[in-house]
């Protein structure tokens, strides 16, 4: 691909980045606008050009990886990889992922991603050298009338959530999202009728999908009582909770390089 080059995105790329995102994921314009408000193109986006035309885009959302032994490593969440439908099948996205992997190895950064489909794990392994590092399951809990007291539920800000989350995960190996990523997570929740919340002594990230409450993260609280409290607070009839566990049936995250961290890394806070 002699006419192909990889570069950081520029502010003037916003229209084409928006077009590629919409074509790949079908997300509403408001969501895309909020993302680029939190992550301006020059801050997080990379593009592949062919003959001067942008054909592929992807994003690196910076964060930190805390290890159980107290070390802190730079990490980045690979997010929203998209290629113009007219140019798919030419290896542009694969080339960009290999560039991400090469740069990460030079800088000592850990890359991770949470693919939307299980089939994409094989692709990321092939083009970015990732391996499955987290497994889990999604369970459903129906709303019930309870006689006992339920934990209090309070909406909190993204900075408040960051503090609570760090307290709950202290001593574990876990990915800490940037302030901008947490702000965007709060945006997603608000758009779906949810919020970042304190529930009892713990914290949770929740979104609504009609009468179902999607609990994307729940830390430091009893699962059953917290789910009932959240269902009541958000007036939903059923909760779906995503749990990370070693023997889970579903893959939940992939990372590179293999040797950077132990096999039990808590990623959480997926954006899809």
Protein backbone atom coordinates (compact mmCIF):
# COMPACT_ATOMS: atom_id res chain seq x y z
CA UNK A 1 0.00 0.00 0.00
CA UNK A 2 2.48 2.64 -1.21
CA UNK A 3 -0.02 5.53 -1.03
CA UNK A 4 -1.11 4.64 2.53
CA UNK A 5 -0.03 6.53 5.62
CA UNK A 6 -1.00 6.53 9.30
CA UNK A 7 -1.25 9.78 11.23
CA UNK A 8 -2.88 11.38 14.21
CA UNK A 9 -6.21 12.94 13.43
CA UNK A 10 -6.55 16.71 13.08
CA UNK A 11 -9.48 19.01 13.98
CA UNK A 12 -10.45 19.23 10.29
CA UNK A 13 -10.97 15.44 10.24
CA UNK A 14 -14.07 15.68 12.46
CA UNK A 15 -16.63 15.40 9.61
CA UNK A 16 -15.03 12.29 8.13
CA UNK A 17 -14.53 10.75 11.59
CA UNK A 18 -18.21 11.30 12.29
CA UNK A 19 -19.19 9.76 8.96
CA UNK A 20 -17.02 6.68 9.49
CA UNK A 21 -18.41 6.21 13.02
CA UNK A 22 -22.02 6.46 11.86
CA UNK A 23 -21.45 4.04 8.99
CA UNK A 24 -19.77 1.48 11.25
CA UNK A 25 -21.93 1.64 14.38
CA UNK A 26 -25.15 3.49 13.52
CA UNK A 27 -24.95 5.57 16.70
CA UNK A 28 -27.03 8.75 17.03
CA UNK A 29 -25.29 12.04 16.20
CA UNK A 30 -25.66 13.22 19.80
CA UNK A 31 -23.55 10.35 21.11
CA UNK A 32 -20.79 10.97 18.55
CA UNK A 33 -20.85 14.70 19.26
CA UNK A 34 -20.50 14.06 22.99
CA UNK A 35 -17.60 11.70 22.41
CA UNK A 36 -15.63 14.20 20.37
CA UNK A 37 -16.44 16.91 22.89
CA UNK A 38 -14.68 14.76 25.51
CA UNK A 39 -12.01 13.46 23.11
CA UNK A 40 -11.22 16.02 20.37
CA UNK A 41 -9.82 14.33 17.22
CA UNK A 42 -6.25 15.51 17.81
CA UNK A 43 -6.32 14.10 21.35
CA UNK A 44 -7.45 10.52 20.81
CA UNK A 45 -8.07 9.64 17.15
CA UNK A 46 -5.76 8.06 14.59
CA UNK A 47 -6.51 7.65 10.90
CA UNK A 48 -5.30 5.75 7.86
CA UNK A 49 -5.14 7.68 4.61
CA UNK A 50 -5.04 6.12 1.15
CA UNK A 51 -4.30 8.49 -1.68
CA UNK A 52 -5.01 11.42 0.61
CA UNK A 53 -8.46 10.06 1.60
CA UNK A 54 -9.20 9.01 5.19
CA UNK A 55 -10.43 5.41 5.02
CA UNK A 56 -10.02 4.09 8.60
CA UNK A 57 -10.16 5.58 12.10
CA UNK A 58 -9.60 4.32 15.63
CA UNK A 59 -9.16 5.84 19.07
CA UNK A 60 -6.75 5.39 21.96
CA UNK A 61 -8.33 6.45 25.27
CA UNK A 62 -5.53 6.92 27.77
CA UNK A 63 -5.66 5.54 31.30
CA UNK A 64 -3.53 3.88 33.96
CA UNK A 65 -3.14 0.24 34.93
CA UNK A 66 -2.69 -0.36 38.66
CA UNK A 67 -1.05 -3.66 39.57
CA UNK A 68 -1.67 -5.60 42.76
CA UNK A 69 1.91 -4.96 43.88
CA UNK A 70 1.46 -1.20 43.72
CA UNK A 71 2.97 -0.36 40.33
CA UNK A 72 1.23 1.95 37.87
CA UNK A 73 1.59 1.50 34.10
CA UNK A 74 0.28 3.59 31.22
CA UNK A 75 -2.56 1.93 29.31
CA UNK A 76 -4.99 2.80 26.56
CA UNK A 77 -8.43 1.53 25.57
CA UNK A 78 -8.67 0.83 21.83
CA UNK A 79 -12.11 2.11 20.89
CA UNK A 80 -14.41 2.63 17.88
CA UNK A 81 -12.34 1.12 15.08
CA UNK A 82 -14.06 1.86 11.76
CA UNK A 83 -13.35 1.62 8.04
CA UNK A 84 -15.22 3.20 5.16
CA UNK A 85 -17.48 0.43 3.76
CA UNK A 86 -16.17 1.15 0.25
CA UNK A 87 -12.61 0.42 1.39
CA UNK A 88 -13.11 -2.61 3.63
CA UNK A 89 -11.11 -5.74 3.01
CA UNK A 90 -7.87 -3.92 2.20
CA UNK A 91 -6.21 -4.40 5.60
CA UNK A 92 -6.30 -0.75 6.69
CA UNK A 93 -7.62 -1.45 10.19
CA UNK A 94 -5.15 -4.32 10.63
CA UNK A 95 -2.30 -2.02 9.66
CA UNK A 96 -3.42 0.57 12.20
CA UNK A 97 -3.70 -2.02 15.00
CA UNK A 98 -0.19 -3.27 14.25
CA UNK A 99 1.04 0.32 14.49
CA UNK A 100 -0.72 0.70 17.86
CA UNK A 101 0.98 -2.48 19.09
CA UNK A 102 4.43 -1.38 17.88
CA UNK A 103 4.12 2.07 19.49
CA UNK A 104 2.81 0.54 22.72
CA UNK A 105 5.77 -1.79 23.01
CA UNK A 106 8.19 1.11 22.54
CA UNK A 107 6.45 3.27 25.16
CA UNK A 108 5.69 0.48 27.65
CA UNK A 109 1.95 1.05 27.37
CA UNK A 110 -0.57 -1.74 27.86
CA UNK A 111 -3.33 -1.81 25.25
CA UNK A 112 -6.74 -3.24 26.00
CA UNK A 113 -10.05 -3.46 24.25
CA UNK A 114 -13.54 -4.80 24.91
CA UNK A 115 -14.78 -6.10 21.56
CA UNK A 116 -18.50 -5.84 20.93
CA UNK A 117 -18.59 -9.34 19.43
CA UNK A 118 -16.82 -12.51 20.59
CA UNK A 119 -15.61 -13.19 17.04
CA UNK A 120 -13.48 -10.04 17.13
CA UNK A 121 -11.17 -11.51 19.78
CA UNK A 122 -9.46 -13.65 17.13
CA UNK A 123 -9.00 -10.60 14.92
CA UNK A 124 -7.43 -8.53 17.72
CA UNK A 125 -5.16 -11.44 18.60
CA UNK A 126 -4.02 -11.68 15.00
CA UNK A 127 -3.45 -7.97 14.37
CA UNK A 128 -2.58 -6.58 17.80
CA UNK A 129 -1.18 -9.59 19.65
CA UNK A 130 -3.87 -9.62 22.33
CA UNK A 131 -5.06 -12.50 24.46
CA UNK A 132 -8.25 -12.94 26.48
CA UNK A 133 -7.52 -11.75 30.00
CA UNK A 134 -10.97 -11.43 31.49
CA UNK A 135 -14.00 -13.66 31.43
CA UNK A 136 -17.37 -13.23 33.02
CA UNK A 137 -21.10 -13.57 32.71
CA UNK A 138 -24.25 -11.52 32.57
CA UNK A 139 -27.02 -12.44 34.97
CA UNK A 140 -30.59 -11.21 35.21
CA UNK A 141 -32.45 -10.30 38.39
CA UNK A 142 -36.18 -9.53 38.38
CA UNK A 143 -37.62 -6.78 40.53
CA UNK A 144 -39.29 -8.05 43.69
CA UNK A 145 -41.17 -6.59 46.60
CA UNK A 146 -38.85 -6.69 49.59
CA UNK A 147 -39.80 -6.24 53.21
CA UNK A 148 -36.31 -5.32 54.43
CA UNK A 149 -34.48 -2.05 53.99
CA UNK A 150 -32.58 -1.55 50.76
CA UNK A 151 -29.30 0.31 50.32
CA UNK A 152 -29.57 4.01 49.57
CA UNK A 153 -28.99 5.03 45.96
CA UNK A 154 -27.49 8.46 45.25
CA UNK A 155 -26.48 9.91 41.90
CA UNK A 156 -22.89 11.12 41.96
CA UNK A 157 -20.49 12.95 39.68
CA UNK A 158 -17.77 11.33 37.60
CA UNK A 159 -14.99 12.57 39.95
CA UNK A 160 -16.88 11.19 42.96
CA UNK A 161 -17.30 7.87 41.17
CA UNK A 162 -13.58 7.75 40.40
CA UNK A 163 -12.74 8.07 44.10
CA UNK A 164 -15.20 5.36 45.17
CA UNK A 165 -14.07 3.03 42.39
CA UNK A 166 -10.41 3.36 43.36
CA UNK A 167 -11.27 2.62 46.99
CA UNK A 168 -13.19 -0.53 46.04
CA UNK A 169 -10.43 -1.83 43.73
CA UNK A 170 -7.46 -1.05 45.95
CA UNK A 171 -5.05 -3.97 46.12
CA UNK A 172 -6.22 -5.46 42.81
CA UNK A 173 -4.84 -5.20 39.31
CA UNK A 174 -7.23 -2.91 37.47
CA UNK A 175 -7.57 -0.35 34.71
CA UNK A 176 -8.27 3.22 35.79
CA UNK A 177 -10.04 5.25 33.08
CA UNK A 178 -9.14 8.88 32.48
CA UNK A 179 -11.37 11.68 33.71
CA UNK A 180 -12.54 12.26 30.12
CA UNK A 181 -13.50 8.59 29.74
CA UNK A 182 -15.50 8.66 32.97
CA UNK A 183 -17.20 11.87 31.84
CA UNK A 184 -18.18 10.17 28.59
CA UNK A 185 -19.41 7.15 30.55
CA UNK A 186 -21.63 9.55 32.51
CA UNK A 187 -22.86 10.99 29.20
CA UNK A 188 -23.81 7.53 27.94
CA UNK A 189 -25.66 6.78 31.17
CA UNK A 190 -27.57 10.06 31.06
CA UNK A 191 -28.58 9.49 27.43
CA UNK A 192 -30.02 6.09 28.42
CA UNK A 193 -31.85 7.23 31.55
CA UNK A 194 -29.18 5.99 33.94
CA UNK A 195 -26.37 7.45 36.02
CA UNK A 196 -23.21 6.90 38.01
CA UNK A 197 -24.38 6.15 41.53
CA UNK A 198 -23.39 5.36 45.07
CA UNK A 199 -25.33 2.32 46.25
CA UNK A 200 -24.91 1.59 49.94
CA UNK A 201 -21.15 1.51 50.56
CA UNK A 202 -20.41 0.68 46.94
CA UNK A 203 -20.86 2.20 43.51
CA UNK A 204 -22.46 1.31 40.19
CA UNK A 205 -22.79 2.41 36.56
CA UNK A 206 -26.30 1.95 35.21
CA UNK A 207 -28.17 2.51 31.96
CA UNK A 208 -31.77 1.80 30.99
CA UNK A 209 -32.95 -0.27 28.04
CA UNK A 210 -36.74 0.05 28.15
CA UNK A 211 -37.78 -1.80 31.35
CA UNK A 212 -34.34 -3.40 31.78
CA UNK A 213 -31.66 -1.77 33.89
CA UNK A 214 -28.17 -2.50 32.54
CA UNK A 215 -25.74 -2.51 35.46
CA UNK A 216 -22.41 -2.14 33.68
CA UNK A 217 -20.35 -2.15 36.86
CA UNK A 218 -21.19 -2.91 40.49
CA UNK A 219 -18.52 -2.71 43.17
CA UNK A 220 -18.54 -3.00 46.95
CA UNK A 221 -22.20 -3.90 47.42
CA UNK A 222 -24.23 -7.09 47.86
CA UNK A 223 -25.43 -8.05 44.40
CA UNK A 224 -29.04 -8.94 45.19
CA UNK A 225 -29.88 -6.07 47.54
CA UNK A 226 -28.04 -3.54 45.39
CA UNK A 227 -29.87 -4.73 42.28
CA UNK A 228 -33.24 -4.40 44.01
CA UNK A 229 -32.33 -0.93 45.26
CA UNK A 230 -31.28 0.15 41.78
CA UNK A 231 -34.39 -1.33 40.17
CA UNK A 232 -36.53 0.65 42.61
CA UNK A 233 -34.55 3.86 42.19
CA UNK A 234 -34.74 3.75 38.40
CA UNK A 235 -38.23 2.19 38.26
CA UNK A 236 -37.16 -0.76 36.10
CA UNK A 237 -38.48 -4.32 36.13
CA UNK A 238 -35.36 -6.36 35.50
CA UNK A 239 -31.63 -5.87 35.95
CA UNK A 240 -28.87 -7.26 33.78
CA UNK A 241 -25.52 -7.27 35.55
CA UNK A 242 -22.12 -7.82 33.98
CA UNK A 243 -19.69 -9.70 36.26
CA UNK A 244 -16.04 -10.44 35.69
CA UNK A 245 -14.94 -13.86 36.99
CA UNK A 246 -12.13 -16.26 36.14
CA UNK A 247 -14.38 -19.12 35.07
CA UNK A 248 -16.98 -17.01 33.27
CA UNK A 249 -18.41 -18.24 30.00
CA UNK A 250 -18.03 -14.95 28.10
CA UNK A 251 -14.83 -13.12 27.12
CA UNK A 252 -14.90 -9.55 28.45
CA UNK A 253 -11.55 -7.98 27.57
CA UNK A 254 -8.29 -8.49 25.72
CA UNK A 255 -4.91 -6.89 26.28
CA UNK A 256 -1.34 -6.59 24.99
CA UNK A 257 1.41 -7.44 25.82
CA UNK A 258 1.02 -10.90 27.32
CA UNK A 259 3.66 -10.51 30.01
CA UNK A 260 2.87 -7.03 31.27
CA UNK A 261 0.30 -7.96 33.91
CA UNK A 262 -1.09 -11.02 35.63
CA UNK A 263 -4.00 -12.98 34.22
CA UNK A 264 -6.60 -11.60 36.62
CA UNK A 265 -6.98 -7.98 35.53
CA UNK A 266 -10.17 -6.05 36.27
CA UNK A 267 -11.08 -3.92 33.25
CA UNK A 268 -14.76 -2.99 33.66
CA UNK A 269 -16.49 0.14 32.40
CA UNK A 270 -17.09 -0.87 28.81
CA UNK A 271 -18.44 2.00 26.71
CA UNK A 272 -20.72 0.13 24.28
